[in-house]
Amino acid sequence: MEENFEEKRLEMVSSQIEGRGLTEARLLQALRSVPRHRFVPLDMQEHAYDDGPLPIGSGQTISQPYIVALMTSLAALQGDENVLEIGTGSGYQAAVLGCMASTVHTIERHPALSGWAGSILEDLGYKNVSVHLGDGSLGWPEAAPYQAILVTAAAPRPPQPLLDQLAEGGRLIIPVGERRLQDLQVWQREGGQFTWETIIPVAFVPMRGELGWKEDQWPETPIQYY
């Protein structure tokens, strides 16, 4: 069975990632090494390497493999970075980051998902990844500054605490916009100033929390998200 999953994983990287133009060697190796099927519910494992998102409970999803790869590539990691992820979900993105950076802190607001992801990451031996339960819109100042911050939920705007927690030269990768459609943006801190660019249109679940979307602004819907 594991051999079958490995075959699907290699095919995923070849067709979905390399085939779409992401060819950085360290990124491809990370995606080949992380067992994505371990980060989805048992009844969804046969679809773990499909070209799309999957539900993981608590109204959340595991992102499409290409979106995980793209966001990771936009962080431009060299291997010695301290990275923050907002929205742990299943823990898959954190595992990929753990292969690419020195230290990863990841925040999840759902206790069930936080516990589940933490257990999987520990079981698979990602010792440089720490899972925290909390409000991701406020970041995790205890371990700041970060050379990269990846946000896996859509925000109305980049939360100021996340910008504040970026190191000089650091990058914030975040989907910004309203329900159904957002822009994936990259913000960079240089000389105390911030520049940003839009990469592609995306559709993520909403960021909740003090600086995120409120339920009356963005009610839960059965939309298929990245």
Protein backbone atom coordinates (compact mmCIF):
# COMPACT_ATOMS: atom_id res chain seq x y z
CA MET A 1 0.00 0.00 0.00
CA GLU A 2 2.79 2.46 0.90
CA GLU A 3 4.48 1.68 -2.43
CA ASN A 4 1.26 2.66 -4.20
CA PHE A 5 1.15 5.96 -2.30
CA GLU A 6 4.80 6.64 -3.16
CA GLU A 7 4.09 6.06 -6.84
CA LYS A 8 1.14 8.48 -6.69
CA ARG A 9 3.27 11.03 -4.83
CA LEU A 10 6.03 10.96 -7.44
CA GLU A 11 3.46 11.31 -10.20
CA MET A 12 1.86 14.25 -8.34
CA VAL A 13 5.19 16.07 -8.20
CA SER A 14 5.99 15.33 -11.83
CA SER A 15 2.65 16.29 -13.36
CA GLN A 16 1.14 18.83 -10.97
CA ILE A 17 4.25 20.66 -9.76
CA GLU A 18 7.04 20.32 -12.32
CA GLY A 19 4.44 20.28 -15.06
CA ARG A 20 3.29 23.73 -13.97
CA GLY A 21 6.77 25.20 -13.95
CA LEU A 22 7.96 24.86 -10.33
CA THR A 23 11.34 23.17 -10.63
CA GLU A 24 13.44 24.23 -7.61
CA ALA A 25 15.24 21.08 -6.47
CA ARG A 26 14.77 21.46 -2.70
CA LEU A 27 11.04 22.13 -3.11
CA LEU A 28 10.54 19.08 -5.31
CA GLN A 29 12.47 16.88 -2.88
CA ALA A 30 10.34 18.10 0.03
CA LEU A 31 7.14 17.29 -1.85
CA ARG A 32 8.46 13.87 -2.81
CA SER A 33 9.36 13.10 0.80
CA VAL A 34 6.26 14.26 2.73
CA PRO A 35 3.58 11.51 2.84
CA ARG A 36 0.54 13.65 1.99
CA HIS A 37 -1.83 10.71 2.54
CA ARG A 38 -0.97 10.76 6.25
CA PHE A 39 -2.42 14.28 6.53
CA VAL A 40 -5.94 13.47 5.31
CA PRO A 41 -8.73 11.41 6.93
CA LEU A 42 -8.49 7.67 6.33
CA ASP A 43 -11.52 7.60 4.07
CA MET A 44 -9.91 10.25 1.84
CA GLN A 45 -6.43 8.75 1.54
CA GLU A 46 -6.99 7.32 -1.94
CA HIS A 47 -7.51 10.91 -3.13
CA ALA A 48 -4.56 12.41 -1.22
CA TYR A 49 -2.50 12.99 -4.38
CA ASP A 50 -5.34 14.26 -6.56
CA ASP A 51 -5.06 17.70 -8.16
CA GLY A 52 -7.36 19.53 -5.75
CA PRO A 53 -8.21 20.34 -2.12
CA LEU A 54 -9.80 17.85 0.28
CA PRO A 55 -11.98 18.33 3.40
CA ILE A 56 -10.26 17.55 6.71
CA GLY A 57 -13.04 18.40 9.19
CA SER A 58 -13.97 21.50 11.20
CA GLY A 59 -14.98 23.17 7.94
CA GLN A 60 -11.34 23.24 6.77
CA THR A 61 -9.43 21.76 3.84
CA ILE A 62 -5.99 20.55 2.88
CA SER A 63 -4.90 22.76 0.00
CA GLN A 64 -4.35 21.64 -3.58
CA PRO A 65 -0.76 20.32 -3.88
CA TYR A 66 0.15 22.99 -6.43
CA ILE A 67 -1.02 25.80 -4.12
CA VAL A 68 1.12 24.36 -1.28
CA ALA A 69 4.09 24.20 -3.64
CA LEU A 70 3.52 27.70 -5.03
CA MET A 71 3.20 29.34 -1.62
CA THR A 72 6.30 27.53 -0.41
CA SER A 73 8.28 28.62 -3.48
CA LEU A 74 7.22 32.24 -2.97
CA ALA A 75 8.81 32.17 0.49
CA ALA A 76 12.21 31.73 -1.24
CA LEU A 77 13.57 29.57 1.58
CA GLN A 78 17.28 28.70 1.73
CA GLY A 79 17.21 26.37 4.73
CA ASP A 80 18.19 28.51 7.72
CA GLU A 81 14.94 30.45 8.19
CA ASN A 82 12.52 30.79 11.08
CA VAL A 83 9.05 30.45 9.52
CA LEU A 84 5.51 31.09 10.77
CA GLU A 85 2.41 29.45 9.29
CA ILE A 86 -1.10 30.72 10.01
CA GLY A 87 -3.68 27.93 9.71
CA THR A 88 -2.12 24.56 10.49
CA GLY A 89 -5.08 22.55 9.23
CA SER A 90 -3.88 19.01 8.62
CA GLY A 91 -0.22 19.91 9.13
CA TYR A 92 0.82 19.12 5.55
CA GLN A 93 2.03 22.61 4.64
CA ALA A 94 3.93 22.77 7.94
CA ALA A 95 5.64 19.47 7.13
CA VAL A 96 6.73 20.75 3.72
CA LEU A 97 8.05 23.92 5.36
CA GLY A 98 9.83 21.78 7.94
CA CYS A 99 11.81 20.19 5.10
CA MET A 100 12.73 23.60 3.71
CA ALA A 101 13.50 25.76 6.78
CA SER A 102 15.32 25.54 10.10
CA THR A 103 12.35 26.20 12.40
CA VAL A 104 8.60 26.30 11.80
CA HIS A 105 5.90 27.64 14.12
CA THR A 106 2.32 26.97 13.02
CA ILE A 107 -0.91 28.26 14.58
CA GLU A 108 -4.36 26.61 14.46
CA ARG A 109 -7.55 27.93 16.06
CA HIS A 110 -9.47 24.60 16.02
CA PRO A 111 -8.39 22.43 18.98
CA ALA A 112 -9.28 19.19 17.19
CA LEU A 113 -7.16 20.03 14.15
CA SER A 114 -4.31 21.38 16.26
CA GLY A 115 -4.15 18.15 18.23
CA TRP A 116 -4.49 15.95 15.14
CA ALA A 117 -1.83 17.79 13.16
CA GLY A 118 0.55 17.90 16.10
CA SER A 119 0.20 14.15 16.58
CA ILE A 120 0.89 13.38 12.90
CA LEU A 121 3.88 15.71 12.73
CA GLU A 122 5.35 14.20 15.89
CA ASP A 123 4.73 10.66 14.67
CA LEU A 124 6.49 11.41 11.38
CA GLY A 125 9.46 12.98 13.16
CA TYR A 126 9.20 16.65 12.19
CA LYS A 127 11.00 17.84 15.30
CA ASN A 128 11.59 21.38 13.98
CA VAL A 129 7.83 22.07 13.68
CA SER A 130 5.93 23.45 16.71
CA VAL A 131 2.10 23.54 16.67
CA HIS A 132 0.34 26.27 18.68
CA LEU A 133 -3.35 26.72 19.47
CA GLY A 134 -4.37 30.36 19.10
CA ASP A 135 -5.55 33.32 17.03
CA GLY A 136 -3.44 33.30 13.90
CA SER A 137 -4.45 36.84 12.93
CA LEU A 138 -2.25 38.03 15.80
CA GLY A 139 0.73 35.92 14.78
CA TRP A 140 3.09 34.31 17.30
CA PRO A 141 5.30 37.12 18.70
CA GLU A 142 7.04 34.77 21.13
CA ALA A 143 9.23 33.38 18.34
CA ALA A 144 9.47 36.46 16.07
CA PRO A 145 11.02 37.72 13.88
CA TYR A 146 10.29 35.42 10.94
CA GLN A 147 12.02 35.32 7.59
CA ALA A 148 8.77 34.03 6.08
CA ILE A 149 5.10 33.93 7.11
CA LEU A 150 2.60 31.84 5.16
CA VAL A 151 -1.12 32.35 5.70
CA THR A 152 -3.45 29.57 4.53
CA ALA A 153 -6.74 31.44 5.05
CA ALA A 154 -8.10 34.55 3.37
CA ALA A 155 -7.81 37.85 5.25
CA PRO A 156 -9.58 41.14 4.60
CA ARG A 157 -6.12 42.74 4.60
CA PRO A 158 -2.63 41.74 5.82
CA PRO A 159 -2.89 41.88 9.64
CA GLN A 160 -0.48 44.44 11.06
CA PRO A 161 0.90 42.02 13.71
CA LEU A 162 2.07 39.71 10.91
CA LEU A 163 3.82 42.55 9.11
CA ASP A 164 5.38 43.62 12.42
CA GLN A 165 6.71 40.11 13.02
CA LEU A 166 8.53 39.92 9.68
CA ALA A 167 12.30 40.12 9.79
CA GLU A 168 14.12 42.60 7.58
CA GLY A 169 13.92 41.13 4.08
CA GLY A 170 11.19 38.76 5.23
CA ARG A 171 8.22 37.72 3.11
CA LEU A 172 4.52 37.40 3.96
CA ILE A 173 2.54 35.16 1.59
CA ILE A 174 -1.18 35.70 2.12
CA PRO A 175 -4.51 35.44 0.27
CA VAL A 176 -6.35 38.76 0.56
CA GLY A 177 -9.96 39.41 -0.43
CA GLU A 178 -13.60 38.53 0.11
CA ARG A 179 -15.63 35.34 -0.08
CA ARG A 180 -15.29 33.26 -3.27
CA LEU A 181 -12.27 35.11 -4.68
CA GLN A 182 -9.03 36.57 -3.35
CA ASP A 183 -5.58 37.50 -4.60
CA LEU A 184 -2.51 35.64 -3.42
CA GLN A 185 -0.10 38.40 -2.42
CA VAL A 186 3.56 38.53 -1.43
CA TRP A 187 4.57 41.32 0.97
CA GLN A 188 8.24 42.03 1.65
CA ARG A 189 9.88 44.13 4.35
CA GLU A 190 12.83 46.25 3.22
CA GLY A 191 14.30 49.12 5.22
CA GLY A 192 11.25 49.28 7.45
CA GLN A 193 8.98 49.69 4.41
CA PHE A 194 6.65 47.17 2.79
CA THR A 195 6.20 46.39 -0.89
CA TRP A 196 3.75 43.89 -2.29
CA GLU A 197 2.74 42.14 -5.49
CA THR A 198 -0.21 40.03 -6.59
CA ILE A 199 0.57 36.53 -7.88
CA ILE A 200 -2.66 34.74 -8.88
CA PRO A 201 -6.37 34.71 -7.97
CA VAL A 202 -7.24 32.06 -5.36
CA ALA A 203 -10.12 30.93 -3.15
CA PHE A 204 -9.39 30.02 0.49
CA VAL A 205 -11.41 29.50 3.66
CA PRO A 206 -11.75 32.71 5.71
CA MET A 207 -9.25 33.77 8.33
CA ARG A 208 -11.09 34.04 11.64
CA GLY A 209 -9.91 35.86 14.75
CA GLU A 210 -9.54 39.39 16.06
CA LEU A 211 -8.21 40.73 12.76
CA GLY A 212 -9.94 38.26 10.45
CA TRP A 213 -13.40 37.87 8.98
CA LYS A 214 -16.37 37.68 11.38
CA GLU A 215 -19.18 35.15 10.97
CA ASP A 216 -21.70 37.82 9.98
CA GLN A 217 -19.31 39.15 7.33
CA TRP A 218 -18.45 35.75 5.86
CA PRO A 219 -20.85 32.97 6.93
CA GLU A 220 -19.85 29.37 6.47
CA THR A 221 -20.83 28.01 3.04
CA PRO A 222 -20.31 24.70 1.19
CA ILE A 223 -17.98 26.36 -1.35
CA GLN A 224 -15.03 24.23 -2.51
CA TYR A 225 -11.84 25.95 -1.35
CA TYR A 226 -8.12 25.57 -1.98
